[in-house]
Protein backbone atom coordinates (compact mmCIF):
# COMPACT_ATOMS: atom_id res chain seq x y z
CA PRO A 1 96.09 131.70 52.07
CA SER A 2 92.22 131.56 52.09
CA TRP A 3 92.19 134.98 54.19
CA THR A 4 94.88 136.55 52.14
CA ALA A 5 92.72 135.57 49.01
CA ALA A 6 89.40 136.74 50.69
CA ARG A 7 90.87 140.11 51.62
CA GLN A 8 91.73 140.90 48.11
CA LEU A 9 88.30 140.07 47.03
CA ILE A 10 86.71 142.13 49.70
CA GLY A 11 88.85 145.15 48.81
CA ARG A 12 88.08 144.79 45.13
CA LEU A 13 84.34 144.74 46.21
CA VAL A 14 84.67 147.81 48.48
CA ARG A 15 86.53 149.62 45.60
CA ARG A 16 83.93 149.08 43.14
CA ARG A 17 81.31 150.07 45.84
CA TRP A 18 79.54 146.68 45.86
CA LEU A 19 80.26 146.53 49.44
CA GLY A 20 80.29 149.34 52.23
CA TRP A 21 82.30 149.48 55.32
CA SER A 22 79.78 152.09 57.13
CA LEU A 23 77.26 149.44 58.44
CA LEU A 24 78.56 146.10 59.90
CA VAL A 25 76.63 143.30 61.60
CA ILE A 26 78.00 141.11 63.97
CA ASP A 27 76.48 137.67 65.15
CA GLY A 28 77.25 134.07 65.61
CA SER A 29 75.49 130.75 64.38
CA LEU A 30 75.76 127.10 65.51
CA LEU A 31 77.03 124.61 62.86
CA ALA A 32 75.83 120.91 63.64
CA ALA A 33 78.90 118.46 63.22
CA GLN A 34 79.13 115.65 61.15
CA GLY A 35 77.81 112.05 62.45
CA HIS A 36 76.20 111.49 65.86
CA PRO A 37 76.90 113.44 69.23
CA PRO A 38 78.46 111.67 72.21
CA ARG A 39 76.08 109.09 74.23
CA PRO A 40 76.31 107.64 77.57
CA LYS A 41 79.08 105.31 78.37
CA TRP A 42 77.40 102.28 77.81
CA HIS A 43 76.44 103.19 74.47
CA ARG A 44 78.70 102.56 71.36
CA PRO A 45 80.39 103.87 69.22
CA ARG A 46 82.15 107.08 70.17
CA PRO A 47 81.10 110.44 69.08
CA THR A 48 82.01 111.15 65.29
CA ASP A 49 83.81 114.27 65.88
CA PRO A 50 85.93 114.34 69.09
CA ASP A 51 86.36 118.31 68.84
CA ALA A 52 82.73 118.91 68.56
CA SER A 53 80.99 120.28 71.64
CA TRP A 54 77.32 121.21 72.64
CA GLY A 55 76.14 124.70 72.45
CA TYR A 56 72.69 126.59 72.82
CA SER A 57 71.12 129.13 71.06
CA PRO A 58 67.51 130.66 71.31
CA SER A 59 66.88 130.15 67.54
CA ASP A 60 68.55 126.75 67.16
CA GLY A 61 68.16 124.96 70.68
CA TRP A 62 70.86 122.68 71.58
CA VAL A 63 73.30 121.81 68.79
CA TRP A 64 76.33 119.41 69.00
CA GLY A 65 79.03 120.99 66.72
CA TYR A 66 80.79 124.34 66.12
CA ARG A 67 79.97 128.12 66.38
CA LEU A 68 80.77 130.40 63.25
CA HIS A 69 81.13 134.02 64.70
CA GLY A 70 81.06 136.69 61.69
CA LEU A 71 80.84 140.31 60.89
CA VAL A 72 78.68 141.11 57.64
CA SER A 73 78.31 144.07 55.58
CA ALA A 74 74.98 145.03 55.20
CA GLY A 75 75.09 147.37 52.09
CA PRO A 76 74.93 147.82 49.23
CA ALA A 77 75.32 143.98 49.02
CA THR A 78 75.54 141.63 51.69
CA ALA A 79 78.62 139.44 52.28
CA PRO A 80 80.83 138.25 55.07
CA VAL A 81 83.78 140.38 55.72
CA ALA A 82 85.48 138.73 58.89
CA TRP A 83 84.81 135.24 60.42
CA ARG A 84 86.07 133.00 63.07
CA THR A 85 85.05 129.05 63.70
CA THR A 86 85.07 127.87 67.39
CA THR A 87 83.63 124.91 69.16
CA ALA A 88 80.01 125.46 69.92
CA THR A 89 80.82 126.08 73.77
CA GLY A 90 82.90 129.35 72.48
CA HIS A 91 80.77 132.39 73.80
CA GLU A 92 80.37 135.18 71.08
CA THR A 93 81.95 138.16 73.01
CA PRO A 94 85.44 137.00 73.41
CA GLN A 95 85.38 136.67 69.60
CA VAL A 96 84.49 140.28 68.91
CA ALA A 97 88.18 141.86 69.18
CA PRO A 98 89.65 139.08 66.62
CA LEU A 99 86.80 139.84 64.34
CA LEU A 100 87.20 143.75 64.51
CA ARG A 101 90.81 143.39 63.75
CA ARG A 102 90.13 141.93 60.33
CA PRO A 103 88.41 144.97 58.53
CA PRO A 104 90.30 147.92 58.02
CA ARG A 105 89.72 151.07 60.25
CA TRP A 106 86.62 152.86 59.06
CA ARG A 107 87.76 156.27 57.59
CA GLY A 108 84.41 158.12 56.83
CA LYS A 109 83.52 161.47 58.01
CA ARG A 110 81.25 160.01 60.47
CA ARG A 111 81.54 157.03 62.71
CA GLY A 112 80.66 153.53 61.19
CA TRP A 113 77.89 151.32 62.98
CA LEU A 114 78.19 147.93 64.41
CA VAL A 115 75.04 146.46 65.02
CA GLY A 116 74.17 143.40 67.11
CA ASP A 117 71.70 141.59 69.40
CA GLY A 118 71.65 141.95 73.28
CA THR A 119 74.76 139.79 73.59
CA TYR A 120 77.15 142.55 72.45
CA ASP A 121 75.38 145.05 74.86
CA SER A 122 78.93 145.67 76.90
CA GLU A 123 81.01 148.45 77.93
CA ARG A 124 84.18 146.46 76.73
CA ILE A 125 82.67 145.85 73.21
CA VAL A 126 81.86 149.60 72.81
CA ALA A 127 85.38 150.49 73.74
CA LEU A 128 86.79 147.89 71.43
CA ALA A 129 84.45 149.54 68.38
CA ALA A 130 85.56 152.94 69.21
CA ARG A 131 89.04 152.11 68.39
CA LYS A 132 87.92 151.34 64.92
CA ARG A 133 85.52 154.40 64.77
CA ARG A 134 82.31 152.70 65.10
CA ARG A 135 79.38 152.94 67.41
CA VAL A 136 77.59 150.10 68.78
CA VAL A 137 73.85 149.63 68.31
CA ALA A 138 72.82 146.64 70.14
CA ALA A 139 69.51 145.60 71.65
CA MET A 140 69.45 146.72 75.17
CA TYR A 141 67.20 145.68 78.14
CA ILE A 142 66.50 147.17 81.64
CA ARG A 143 68.64 145.04 84.09
CA ARG A 144 67.41 144.10 87.40
CA TRP A 145 69.08 147.49 89.08
CA GLY A 146 66.65 149.58 86.84
CA LYS A 147 67.17 152.31 84.64
CA LYS A 148 68.32 154.87 87.00
CA ALA A 149 71.63 152.79 87.91
CA MET A 150 72.63 153.43 84.45
CA SER A 151 75.87 155.18 83.78
CA ALA A 152 75.63 158.47 81.61
CA ALA A 153 77.19 157.01 78.58
CA ARG A 154 74.68 153.88 78.84
CA LYS A 155 71.90 156.28 79.33
CA ARG A 156 72.93 157.97 75.92
CA ARG A 157 73.04 154.57 73.91
CA TRP A 158 69.50 153.69 75.45
CA ARG A 159 67.89 156.76 74.22
CA PHE A 160 69.44 156.15 70.69
CA VAL A 161 68.76 152.67 70.64
CA HIS A 162 65.09 153.34 71.31
CA SER A 163 64.92 156.31 68.90
CA PRO A 164 63.42 155.98 65.62
CA ALA A 165 67.05 155.96 63.97
CA GLY A 166 68.33 153.27 66.31
CA LYS A 167 65.25 151.07 65.66
CA ARG A 168 65.92 151.19 61.88
CA LEU A 169 69.45 150.21 62.47
CA LEU A 170 68.54 147.35 64.59
CA ARG A 171 66.20 145.88 61.77
CA ARG A 172 69.36 145.90 59.46
CA ARG A 173 70.59 143.09 61.85
CA THR A 174 68.47 140.22 60.17
CA ALA A 175 70.82 140.81 57.12
CA ILE A 176 73.43 138.42 59.00
CA GLU A 177 70.74 136.20 59.80
CA ARG A 178 69.72 135.93 56.03
CA GLU A 179 73.32 135.26 55.27
CA TRP A 180 73.86 132.45 57.55
CA SER A 181 70.73 130.73 56.54
CA GLN A 182 71.70 131.03 52.75
CA LEU A 183 75.22 129.89 53.48
CA LYS A 184 73.73 126.86 55.24
CA ALA A 185 71.32 125.87 52.79
CA VAL A 186 73.77 126.41 49.51
CA PHE A 187 77.02 125.69 50.79
CA LEU A 188 76.68 122.71 52.93
CA LEU A 189 77.49 124.61 56.30
CA ASP A 190 75.06 122.70 58.44
CA PRO A 191 75.65 119.87 58.98
CA LEU A 192 79.51 120.20 58.24
CA PRO A 193 80.91 117.43 55.88
CA VAL A 194 83.80 117.35 57.51
CA THR A 195 85.21 116.73 61.32
CA ARG A 196 87.89 118.05 63.47
CA LEU A 197 88.23 121.88 64.41
CA HIS A 198 91.28 122.49 62.10
CA ARG A 199 89.44 121.11 59.06
CA VAL A 200 86.29 122.70 60.08
CA GLN A 201 87.86 126.11 60.26
CA VAL A 202 89.51 125.59 56.70
CA TYR A 203 86.19 124.37 55.15
CA VAL A 204 84.42 127.50 56.53
CA SER A 205 87.07 129.73 55.20
CA LEU A 206 87.01 128.01 51.68
CA VAL A 207 83.13 128.42 51.91
CA MET A 208 83.40 132.13 52.42
CA LEU A 209 85.83 132.57 49.76
CA ALA A 210 83.78 130.88 47.33
CA TYR A 211 80.83 133.20 48.40
CA LEU A 212 82.74 136.14 48.05
CA ALA A 213 83.69 134.97 44.46
CA ALA A 214 80.16 134.50 43.62
CA VAL A 215 79.35 138.28 44.83
CA ALA A 216 82.04 139.63 42.85
CA TYR A 217 80.85 137.52 39.87
CA ASN A 218 77.59 138.76 39.93
CA GLY A 219 78.54 142.24 40.62
CA SER A 220 80.51 142.14 37.35
CA MET A 221 77.56 141.03 35.27
């Protein structure tokens, strides 16, 4: 029910041109669980949330809790358009396909963009995005076998990512980082006020719905 209501709000925002589909940013963020993490067996009590797990990110370090995966529209307004919540051990790349199924297929004259960090530099993700008529722009690094071993398609992506246009798109990636920071600070997402995975998923969906309602309200003022 919460996603049905969110989809109606997103559709309304898009029709009024407060949100755009052409540029989406994808990323994940760790959410700290309520209470204390697991301790050695000789310590008591047991962990507060038995569904939570340890996860790592370069920005947050090791966090005991859950991981929020999301797609954010980067213009004109910034707002989440798809999300999923897993335990903190869940990697980001398996969640790309479910996330891309949520927004409608891009129908503009030109392909839309899907911007992410180096985690999303994958041939599989490029193929998944192409089905939605989107072009992946992810941070790319020369792997240990070197630039000469790249395929022709990867070389073309490499040239675009390191072009002025590609660099401008990569700078738009900060939109999702600002979004996660605001949600955590204002909507009590970090640490979470509930325990167990199914409750966390419902709570996160309600937070997203409230945020979209606030965007719609501010846009109508």
